Every structure is written in C-alpha cells, then in structure tokens.
Amino acid sequence: MDNKDALNAFAALSQVTRLNVFRLLVKTGEEGMLAGDISDALDVRQNTMSANLSILTQSGLVRNERQGRSIRYFADMNGVRGLLAFLMEDCCGGHLGLCQPVIDEIACAC
C-alpha cells in the first residue's frame, strides 16, 4: 500500500454511513451481508447504500461477490491488513515492544 491507497481508504471511511457499513461488515466476518440487508440494518435507502458500497469497494476495504441476482459484501481483510501494515510500517523506531499494546488492541479475541 502507498500514500494514495491509504488516503483513498481513509476518504472512504470519513463518511458516517460508510464507516458504519465497514464496521458492520467486519462484525459479520466471513458470511458477509447482502446489499439489501446492509441497507435494512442501517436504515439507509438502497440507492444511497449502493453508492456508498461502491466507494468502499473501490477503496479496497470491501469486496463483493455476485450471488444470482444479489450481491454479497464482505470486509476485505487483505485491504485492512495492508492499511494497518502501512500505518505501522516504521512503528516505534525499531522498538517493537512499544507496538505490542496496539497489536494486542486490534487482535481478534474470537
């Protein structure tokens, strides 16, 4: 990931609906959600949700799969991993122990 990709990801997350969508998709994990179910869960009109899902997909933080006539969306953990790695690339001036609390905080406890 480079500066341009990171800025694109942050821009996608800088709007409340998109941030809520991303957090919802992270929570749903591998099963993801259908676009209509995301709209219903967040009480957002489907055409508005479609535009927001498109921006998130272009950012690399969300991916989709067509399932018949529907589209299922997932948090793209490779994109998330890339963004976090970019942010932590030169962490703590070589003192890896200083980064451990951050790593512990973001590690999945599931």
C-alpha atoms as a PDB file:
ATOM      1  CA  MET A   1       0.000   0.000   0.000  1.00  0.00           C
ATOM      2  CA  ASP A   2       1.193   3.512  -0.743  1.00  0.00           C
ATOM      3  CA  ASN A   3       0.099   7.004   0.329  1.00  0.00           C
ATOM      4  CA  LYS A   4      -2.508   7.244  -2.446  1.00  0.00           C
ATOM      5  CA  ASP A   5      -4.140   3.923  -1.473  1.00  0.00           C
ATOM      6  CA  ALA A   6      -4.126   4.847   2.222  1.00  0.00           C
ATOM      7  CA  LEU A   7      -5.692   8.229   1.532  1.00  0.00           C
ATOM      8  CA  ASN A   8      -8.357   6.552  -0.618  1.00  0.00           C
ATOM      9  CA  ALA A   9      -9.166   4.141   2.232  1.00  0.00           C
ATOM     10  CA  PHE A  10      -9.361   6.938   4.804  1.00  0.00           C
ATOM     11  CA  ALA A  11     -11.529   9.038   2.482  1.00  0.00           C
ATOM     12  CA  ALA A  12     -13.919   6.102   2.127  1.00  0.00           C
ATOM     13  CA  LEU A  13     -14.168   5.768   5.900  1.00  0.00           C
ATOM     14  CA  SER A  14     -14.540   9.506   6.519  1.00  0.00           C
ATOM     15  CA  GLN A  15     -18.312   9.448   5.993  1.00  0.00           C
ATOM     16  CA  VAL A  16     -20.556   8.110   8.776  1.00  0.00           C
ATOM     17  CA  THR A  17     -22.651   5.697   6.686  1.00  0.00           C
ATOM     18  CA  ARG A  18     -19.592   4.148   5.062  1.00  0.00           C
ATOM     19  CA  LEU A  19     -17.847   3.839   8.416  1.00  0.00           C
ATOM     20  CA  ASN A  20     -20.939   2.102   9.832  1.00  0.00           C
ATOM     21  CA  VAL A  21     -21.107  -0.230   6.828  1.00  0.00           C
ATOM     22  CA  PHE A  22     -17.449  -1.141   7.178  1.00  0.00           C
ATOM     23  CA  ARG A  23     -17.779  -1.843  10.908  1.00  0.00           C
ATOM     24  CA  LEU A  24     -20.908  -3.932  10.278  1.00  0.00           C
ATOM     25  CA  LEU A  25     -19.112  -5.991   7.628  1.00  0.00           C
ATOM     26  CA  VAL A  26     -16.119  -6.529   9.911  1.00  0.00           C
ATOM     27  CA  LYS A  27     -18.545  -7.771  12.555  1.00  0.00           C
ATOM     28  CA  THR A  28     -20.277 -10.205  10.184  1.00  0.00           C
ATOM     29  CA  GLY A  29     -16.974 -11.803   9.203  1.00  0.00           C
ATOM     30  CA  GLU A  30     -16.780 -14.448   6.506  1.00  0.00           C
ATOM     31  CA  GLU A  31     -20.516 -14.673   5.910  1.00  0.00           C
ATOM     32  CA  GLY A  32     -20.771 -11.033   4.797  1.00  0.00           C
ATOM     33  CA  MET A  33     -24.131  -9.440   4.050  1.00  0.00           C
ATOM     34  CA  LEU A  34     -26.379  -8.867   1.089  1.00  0.00           C
ATOM     35  CA  ALA A  35     -26.618  -5.243  -0.027  1.00  0.00           C
ATOM     36  CA  GLY A  36     -30.316  -5.043   0.838  1.00  0.00           C
ATOM     37  CA  ASP A  37     -29.696  -6.446   4.316  1.00  0.00           C
ATOM     38  CA  ILE A  38     -26.996  -3.830   4.913  1.00  0.00           C
ATOM     39  CA  SER A  39     -29.451  -1.109   3.869  1.00  0.00           C
ATOM     40  CA  ASP A  40     -32.103  -2.505   6.206  1.00  0.00           C
ATOM     41  CA  ALA A  41     -29.710  -2.932   9.133  1.00  0.00           C
ATOM     42  CA  LEU A  42     -28.509   0.665   8.889  1.00  0.00           C
ATOM     43  CA  ASP A  43     -31.833   2.153   7.755  1.00  0.00           C
ATOM     44  CA  VAL A  44     -30.336   3.674   4.606  1.00  0.00           C
ATOM     45  CA  ARG A  45     -32.097   3.900   1.235  1.00  0.00           C
ATOM     46  CA  GLN A  46     -30.850   1.275  -1.215  1.00  0.00           C
ATOM     47  CA  ASN A  47     -29.695   3.733  -3.885  1.00  0.00           C
ATOM     48  CA  THR A  48     -27.701   5.679  -1.268  1.00  0.00           C
ATOM     49  CA  MET A  49     -26.276   2.432   0.068  1.00  0.00           C
ATOM     50  CA  SER A  50     -25.293   1.335  -3.423  1.00  0.00           C
ATOM     51  CA  ALA A  51     -23.204   4.487  -3.902  1.00  0.00           C
ATOM     52  CA  ASN A  52     -21.544   4.031  -0.507  1.00  0.00           C
ATOM     53  CA  LEU A  53     -20.789   0.357  -1.152  1.00  0.00           C
ATOM     54  CA  SER A  54     -19.218   1.297  -4.473  1.00  0.00           C
ATOM     55  CA  ILE A  55     -16.881   3.787  -2.771  1.00  0.00           C
ATOM     56  CA  LEU A  56     -15.920   1.232  -0.113  1.00  0.00           C
ATOM     57  CA  THR A  57     -15.266  -1.404  -2.761  1.00  0.00           C
ATOM     58  CA  GLN A  58     -13.066   0.971  -4.757  1.00  0.00           C
ATOM     59  CA  SER A  59     -11.114   1.767  -1.581  1.00  0.00           C
ATOM     60  CA  GLY A  60     -10.016  -1.861  -1.225  1.00  0.00           C
ATOM     61  CA  LEU A  61     -11.589  -2.218   2.221  1.00  0.00           C
ATOM     62  CA  VAL A  62     -14.691  -4.060   0.998  1.00  0.00           C
ATOM     63  CA  ARG A  63     -15.120  -6.770  -1.617  1.00  0.00           C
ATOM     64  CA  ASN A  64     -18.240  -8.251  -3.165  1.00  0.00           C
ATOM     65  CA  GLU A  65     -19.488 -11.465  -4.748  1.00  0.00           C
ATOM     66  CA  ARG A  66     -22.441 -11.815  -7.045  1.00  0.00           C
ATOM     67  CA  GLN A  67     -24.884 -14.458  -5.870  1.00  0.00           C
ATOM     68  CA  GLY A  68     -27.521 -14.830  -8.545  1.00  0.00           C
ATOM     69  CA  ARG A  69     -29.331 -11.513  -8.687  1.00  0.00           C
ATOM     70  CA  SER A  70     -27.911 -10.310  -5.381  1.00  0.00           C
ATOM     71  CA  ILE A  71     -24.527  -9.013  -4.324  1.00  0.00           C
ATOM     72  CA  ARG A  72     -22.953 -10.040  -1.026  1.00  0.00           C
ATOM     73  CA  TYR A  73     -20.420  -7.703   0.568  1.00  0.00           C
ATOM     74  CA  PHE A  74     -17.526  -8.555   2.883  1.00  0.00           C
ATOM     75  CA  ALA A  75     -14.855  -6.613   4.712  1.00  0.00           C
ATOM     76  CA  ASP A  76     -11.717  -7.191   2.660  1.00  0.00           C
ATOM     77  CA  MET A  77      -9.294  -8.262   5.353  1.00  0.00           C
ATOM     78  CA  ASN A  78      -6.370  -8.126   2.927  1.00  0.00           C
ATOM     79  CA  GLY A  79      -7.131  -4.445   2.362  1.00  0.00           C
ATOM     80  CA  VAL A  80      -7.475  -3.864   6.101  1.00  0.00           C
ATOM     81  CA  ARG A  81      -4.216  -5.702   6.716  1.00  0.00           C
ATOM     82  CA  GLY A  82      -2.499  -3.589   4.061  1.00  0.00           C
ATOM     83  CA  LEU A  83      -3.750  -0.350   5.596  1.00  0.00           C
ATOM     84  CA  LEU A  84      -2.706  -1.354   9.109  1.00  0.00           C
ATOM     85  CA  ALA A  85       0.694  -2.522   7.867  1.00  0.00           C
ATOM     86  CA  PHE A  86       1.149   0.805   6.065  1.00  0.00           C
ATOM     87  CA  LEU A  87       0.326   2.715   9.250  1.00  0.00           C
ATOM     88  CA  MET A  88       2.584   0.576  11.442  1.00  0.00           C
ATOM     89  CA  GLU A  89       5.394   0.126   8.911  1.00  0.00           C
ATOM     90  CA  ASP A  90       8.037   2.043  10.837  1.00  0.00           C
ATOM     91  CA  CYS A  91       6.481   1.560  14.240  1.00  0.00           C
ATOM     92  CA  CYS A  92       8.211   2.831  17.312  1.00  0.00           C
ATOM     93  CA  GLY A  93      11.598   3.479  15.763  1.00  0.00           C
ATOM     94  CA  GLY A  94      12.593  -0.168  15.888  1.00  0.00           C
ATOM     95  CA  HIS A  95      11.393  -0.772  19.449  1.00  0.00           C
ATOM     96  CA  LEU A  96       8.857  -3.466  18.652  1.00  0.00           C
ATOM     97  CA  GLY A  97       7.776  -3.809  22.284  1.00  0.00           C
ATOM     98  CA  LEU A  98       6.228  -0.352  22.127  1.00  0.00           C
ATOM     99  CA  CYS A  99       3.895  -1.517  19.349  1.00  0.00           C
ATOM    100  CA  GLN A 100       2.642  -4.567  21.232  1.00  0.00           C
ATOM    101  CA  PRO A 101      -0.222  -2.749  23.044  1.00  0.00           C
ATOM    102  CA  VAL A 102      -1.551  -1.548  19.672  1.00  0.00           C
ATOM    103  CA  ILE A 103      -1.275  -5.023  18.191  1.00  0.00           C
ATOM    104  CA  ASP A 104      -2.999  -6.532  21.228  1.00  0.00           C
ATOM    105  CA  GLU A 105      -5.833  -3.991  20.952  1.00  0.00           C
ATOM    106  CA  ILE A 106      -6.606  -4.793  17.314  1.00  0.00           C
ATOM    107  CA  ALA A 107      -6.115  -8.565  17.552  1.00  0.00           C
ATOM    108  CA  CYS A 108      -9.298 -10.593  17.286  1.00  0.00           C
ATOM    109  CA  ALA A 109     -10.211 -12.266  20.564  1.00  0.00           C
ATOM    110  CA  CYS A 110     -12.631 -14.688  18.888  1.00  0.00           C
END
